[in-house]
Amino acid sequence: MENTLNGRKALVTGGAGGIGAACVRALAAKGAKVVVADVDAAAAAALADEVGGTAWAVNLFDVEALETLSLDCDILVNNAGIQRISPIEDFDPADFRRIITLMLEAPFLLIRAALPHMYAGGFGRIINLSSVHGLRASPFKSAYVSAKHGLEGLSKVTALEGGAHGVTSNCVNPGYVRTPLVESQIADQAKVHGIPESEVLTRIMLTEAAVKRLVEPEEVASLVAWLASDDAGMVTGASYTMDGGWSAR
């Protein structure tokens, strides 16, 4: 594989598993030195050893600690996320705040910490793992949809501010990806919709998609790696769907 990211330093949040781990491997394969940021210190260290990177054991809910942070990365991938499925009237306010904190406030603070280094070097890539739910809504996901819609706006503002400094900012918007986060939703979806777990994929998760399968983490990572490259220098303020046609409706 062509080492188009030689000399670049990347940081991937939620990097020890799922989409994050696939992104770490894809960026490292193109020559980047990758910081694997994850709350699971052991998993982050193991993956960092695998790819010749470094691990950062971090709790992104501790936003006060992020306020004074300074990052020297050239590529920032905001990927960490959680999910909670519940009707609005039953949605735990604490869960709502946790999702907004992790998936909107923490990305803002990390971008804020990374931009000075990127501006100084005249190069930066902010890549925000959004979702088709950054562009469309689904019932029972008020916090997740709100956070992803907010992330879309944050990404566009970053693009407008960063353009003059060689910094791009984009969102990647997959549909349901084959990850533990999605697999853990199946039981919750079955409960709130009152259907068997065996029917969740076809009746709920893939009903809007033209291509009836889950997205693979490696597919998402390949797009992230391209957005990180010099070839994507004119791509900014964009949202790249990888949803099997869901948002075409």
Protein backbone atom coordinates (compact mmCIF):
# COMPACT_ATOMS: atom_id res chain seq x y z
CA MET A 1 0.00 0.00 0.00
CA GLU A 2 1.27 3.45 -0.90
CA ASN A 3 2.61 5.33 2.13
CA THR A 4 0.81 8.59 1.41
CA LEU A 5 0.72 9.58 5.09
CA ASN A 6 4.42 9.24 5.88
CA GLY A 7 5.44 11.86 8.44
CA ARG A 8 1.87 12.48 9.57
CA LYS A 9 0.65 11.90 13.12
CA ALA A 10 -2.94 10.76 13.57
CA LEU A 11 -5.18 10.50 16.61
CA VAL A 12 -8.23 8.25 16.62
CA THR A 13 -10.72 8.35 19.51
CA GLY A 14 -12.53 5.16 20.37
CA GLY A 15 -9.59 3.69 18.52
CA ALA A 16 -9.34 0.32 20.24
CA GLY A 17 -12.37 -1.34 18.65
CA GLY A 18 -14.94 -1.30 15.85
CA ILE A 19 -14.68 1.50 13.30
CA GLY A 20 -11.94 3.17 15.33
CA ALA A 21 -9.64 0.15 15.21
CA ALA A 22 -10.21 -0.21 11.48
CA CYS A 23 -9.29 3.46 11.04
CA VAL A 24 -6.14 3.02 13.13
CA ARG A 25 -5.01 0.12 10.94
CA ALA A 26 -5.85 1.91 7.68
CA LEU A 27 -4.01 5.10 8.64
CA ALA A 28 -1.00 3.17 9.92
CA ALA A 29 -0.89 1.13 6.71
CA LYS A 30 -0.51 4.38 4.78
CA GLY A 31 2.44 5.43 6.92
CA ALA A 32 0.91 7.56 9.66
CA LYS A 33 2.05 7.29 13.26
CA VAL A 34 -1.22 6.69 15.09
CA VAL A 35 -2.25 7.50 18.65
CA VAL A 36 -4.93 5.03 19.76
CA ALA A 37 -7.14 6.95 22.19
CA ASP A 38 -9.59 4.83 24.16
CA VAL A 39 -11.03 4.42 27.64
CA ASP A 40 -9.91 0.75 27.47
CA ALA A 41 -6.21 1.17 28.23
CA ALA A 42 -5.26 -2.47 27.64
CA ALA A 43 -7.02 -2.70 24.27
CA ALA A 44 -5.52 0.62 23.17
CA ALA A 45 -2.03 -0.53 24.13
CA ALA A 46 -2.43 -3.84 22.31
CA LEU A 47 -3.52 -2.19 19.06
CA ALA A 48 -0.85 0.50 19.35
CA ASP A 49 1.79 -2.24 19.66
CA GLU A 50 0.33 -3.98 16.60
CA VAL A 51 0.60 -0.90 14.35
CA GLY A 52 3.71 0.70 15.83
CA GLY A 53 1.77 3.57 17.32
CA THR A 54 1.14 4.85 20.82
CA ALA A 55 -1.76 4.46 23.22
CA TRP A 56 -3.61 7.20 25.08
CA ALA A 57 -5.87 5.95 27.85
CA VAL A 58 -8.43 8.74 28.11
CA ASN A 59 -11.90 9.25 29.52
CA LEU A 60 -13.52 11.71 27.12
CA PHE A 61 -16.34 12.32 29.58
CA ASP A 62 -13.81 14.27 31.66
CA VAL A 63 -14.29 17.39 29.55
CA GLU A 64 -12.64 19.68 32.08
CA ALA A 65 -9.34 17.89 31.47
CA LEU A 66 -9.77 18.40 27.72
CA GLU A 67 -10.18 22.16 28.11
CA THR A 68 -6.45 22.70 28.74
CA LEU A 69 -5.25 20.05 26.29
CA SER A 70 -2.79 20.73 23.46
CA LEU A 71 -2.54 18.18 20.65
CA ASP A 72 0.25 17.89 18.08
CA CYS A 73 -1.59 15.63 15.64
CA ASP A 74 -1.97 16.33 11.92
CA ILE A 75 -5.03 14.10 11.54
CA LEU A 76 -7.83 13.92 14.11
CA VAL A 77 -10.51 11.26 13.80
CA ASN A 78 -13.42 11.89 16.19
CA ASN A 79 -14.94 8.43 16.40
CA ALA A 80 -15.80 7.59 20.03
CA GLY A 81 -19.50 7.03 20.61
CA ILE A 82 -22.21 5.33 22.62
CA GLN A 83 -25.89 4.68 22.06
CA ARG A 84 -29.10 4.69 24.10
CA ILE A 85 -32.48 3.74 22.66
CA SER A 86 -35.63 4.94 24.40
CA PRO A 87 -38.77 7.00 23.73
CA ILE A 88 -38.24 10.66 24.60
CA GLU A 89 -40.69 10.60 27.50
CA ASP A 90 -38.71 7.77 29.12
CA PHE A 91 -35.23 8.96 28.11
CA ASP A 92 -32.98 9.34 31.13
CA PRO A 93 -31.73 12.97 31.13
CA ALA A 94 -28.37 11.79 32.46
CA ASP A 95 -27.99 9.47 29.45
CA PHE A 96 -28.90 12.33 27.11
CA ARG A 97 -26.21 14.53 28.62
CA ARG A 98 -23.60 11.74 28.48
CA ILE A 99 -24.17 11.21 24.76
CA ILE A 100 -24.01 14.93 23.99
CA THR A 101 -20.85 15.24 26.11
CA LEU A 102 -19.01 12.34 24.45
CA MET A 103 -20.17 12.83 20.89
CA LEU A 104 -20.37 16.64 20.54
CA GLU A 105 -18.62 18.47 23.37
CA ALA A 106 -15.55 16.22 23.41
CA PRO A 107 -15.02 16.50 19.62
CA PHE A 108 -15.25 20.30 19.93
CA LEU A 109 -12.61 20.31 22.66
CA LEU A 110 -10.31 17.97 20.74
CA ILE A 111 -10.62 20.06 17.57
CA ARG A 112 -9.92 23.15 19.66
CA ALA A 113 -6.81 21.46 21.08
CA ALA A 114 -5.54 20.31 17.68
CA LEU A 115 -6.06 23.38 15.50
CA PRO A 116 -3.10 25.48 16.73
CA HIS A 117 -0.62 22.76 15.71
CA MET A 118 -2.42 22.22 12.40
CA TYR A 119 -2.52 25.94 11.65
CA ALA A 120 1.18 26.31 12.47
CA GLY A 121 2.06 23.52 10.05
CA GLY A 122 -0.30 24.59 7.30
CA PHE A 123 -1.92 21.14 7.19
CA GLY A 124 -4.69 19.41 9.09
CA ARG A 125 -7.40 16.83 8.62
CA ILE A 126 -10.42 16.74 10.93
CA ILE A 127 -12.53 13.66 10.19
CA ASN A 128 -15.72 13.29 12.20
CA LEU A 129 -17.41 9.90 12.33
CA SER A 130 -20.98 11.01 12.01
CA SER A 131 -23.77 8.73 10.82
CA VAL A 132 -26.69 8.63 8.46
CA HIS A 133 -28.37 9.86 11.65
CA GLY A 134 -26.43 13.09 11.22
CA LEU A 135 -28.61 13.64 8.15
CA ARG A 136 -31.78 11.70 8.95
CA ALA A 137 -33.70 10.90 12.11
CA SER A 138 -35.04 7.69 13.58
CA PRO A 139 -37.42 7.25 16.50
CA PHE A 140 -36.11 6.44 19.99
CA LYS A 141 -32.66 7.96 19.36
CA SER A 142 -33.16 11.57 20.42
CA ALA A 143 -29.73 11.99 22.02
CA TYR A 144 -27.74 10.21 19.30
CA VAL A 145 -29.50 12.05 16.46
CA SER A 146 -29.10 15.38 18.26
CA ALA A 147 -25.39 14.78 18.86
CA LYS A 148 -24.72 13.72 15.27
CA HIS A 149 -26.68 16.68 13.83
CA GLY A 150 -24.62 18.95 16.08
CA LEU A 151 -21.40 17.29 14.93
CA GLU A 152 -22.34 18.04 11.33
CA GLY A 153 -22.61 21.73 12.16
CA LEU A 154 -19.38 21.74 14.14
CA SER A 155 -17.59 20.07 11.23
CA LYS A 156 -18.79 22.70 8.75
CA VAL A 157 -17.76 25.60 10.98
CA THR A 158 -14.33 24.00 11.40
CA ALA A 159 -14.08 23.71 7.60
CA LEU A 160 -14.87 27.41 7.13
CA GLU A 161 -12.40 28.54 9.79
CA GLY A 162 -9.66 26.10 8.77
CA GLY A 163 -9.70 26.53 5.02
CA ALA A 164 -7.21 29.40 4.95
CA HIS A 165 -4.79 27.37 7.09
CA GLY A 166 -4.69 24.14 5.06
CA VAL A 167 -7.08 22.39 7.42
CA THR A 168 -10.06 20.42 6.11
CA SER A 169 -13.00 19.11 8.12
CA ASN A 170 -15.46 16.49 6.94
CA CYS A 171 -18.02 14.00 8.20
CA VAL A 172 -18.28 10.34 7.30
CA ASN A 173 -21.87 9.11 7.46
CA PRO A 174 -22.23 5.34 7.50
CA GLY A 175 -25.42 3.41 7.96
CA TYR A 176 -25.39 0.49 10.37
CA VAL A 177 -21.84 -0.85 10.64
CA ARG A 178 -20.90 -4.34 11.78
CA THR A 179 -19.57 -3.34 15.22
CA PRO A 180 -20.27 -4.32 18.85
CA LEU A 181 -22.18 -1.02 19.25
CA VAL A 182 -24.65 -2.01 16.54
CA GLU A 183 -24.87 -5.64 17.60
CA SER A 184 -25.73 -4.53 21.13
CA GLN A 185 -28.62 -2.47 19.76
CA ILE A 186 -30.45 -5.45 18.33
CA ALA A 187 -31.97 -6.54 21.65
CA ASP A 188 -32.91 -2.94 22.52
CA GLN A 189 -34.51 -2.40 19.12
CA ALA A 190 -36.47 -5.63 19.44
CA LYS A 191 -37.80 -4.50 22.82
CA VAL A 192 -38.89 -0.99 21.86
CA HIS A 193 -40.44 -2.13 18.57
CA GLY A 194 -42.02 -5.27 20.03
CA ILE A 195 -40.51 -7.66 17.46
CA PRO A 196 -38.18 -10.70 17.65
CA GLU A 197 -34.44 -10.01 17.59
CA SER A 198 -34.15 -12.10 14.41
CA GLU A 199 -36.28 -9.52 12.55
CA VAL A 200 -34.47 -6.35 13.67
CA LEU A 201 -31.95 -6.24 10.81
CA THR A 202 -34.45 -6.61 8.00
CA ARG A 203 -37.42 -4.75 9.51
CA ILE A 204 -35.63 -1.90 11.33
CA MET A 205 -31.95 -1.45 10.55
CA LEU A 206 -31.89 -2.15 6.82
CA THR A 207 -35.42 -1.19 5.82
CA GLU A 208 -34.38 2.14 4.25
CA ALA A 209 -31.19 0.92 2.55
CA ALA A 210 -31.08 -0.20 -1.07
CA VAL A 211 -28.12 -2.46 -0.33
CA LYS A 212 -29.34 -4.91 2.29
CA ARG A 213 -26.26 -5.56 4.40
CA LEU A 214 -24.29 -3.98 7.20
CA VAL A 215 -21.37 -1.70 6.36
CA GLU A 216 -18.00 -3.24 7.18
CA PRO A 217 -15.64 -1.22 9.44
CA GLU A 218 -12.86 -1.54 6.85
CA GLU A 219 -15.06 0.18 4.25
CA VAL A 220 -15.50 3.17 6.53
CA ALA A 221 -11.79 3.21 7.32
CA SER A 222 -10.85 3.30 3.63
CA LEU A 223 -12.84 6.52 3.22
CA VAL A 224 -11.31 8.01 6.37
CA ALA A 225 -7.81 7.24 5.09
CA TRP A 226 -8.56 8.93 1.76
CA LEU A 227 -9.95 12.03 3.48
CA ALA A 228 -6.71 12.19 5.49
CA SER A 229 -4.58 12.24 2.34
CA ASP A 230 -3.24 15.08 0.22
CA ASP A 231 -5.61 13.96 -2.56
CA ALA A 232 -8.55 15.21 -0.49
CA GLY A 233 -7.20 18.73 -0.05
CA MET A 234 -10.20 20.32 -1.80
CA VAL A 235 -12.75 18.21 0.09
CA THR A 236 -13.99 20.14 3.11
CA GLY A 237 -17.28 20.93 4.81
CA ALA A 238 -18.70 17.77 3.25
CA SER A 239 -20.65 14.78 4.52
CA TYR A 240 -19.83 11.49 2.83
CA THR A 241 -22.64 8.96 3.07
CA MET A 242 -21.85 5.25 3.12
CA ASP A 243 -25.35 4.07 3.88
CA GLY A 244 -26.34 1.71 1.08
CA GLY A 245 -28.70 4.31 -0.34
CA TRP A 246 -30.63 5.07 2.86
CA SER A 247 -30.35 8.87 2.51
CA ALA A 248 -31.27 8.75 -1.18
CA ARG A 249 -34.91 8.43 -0.13
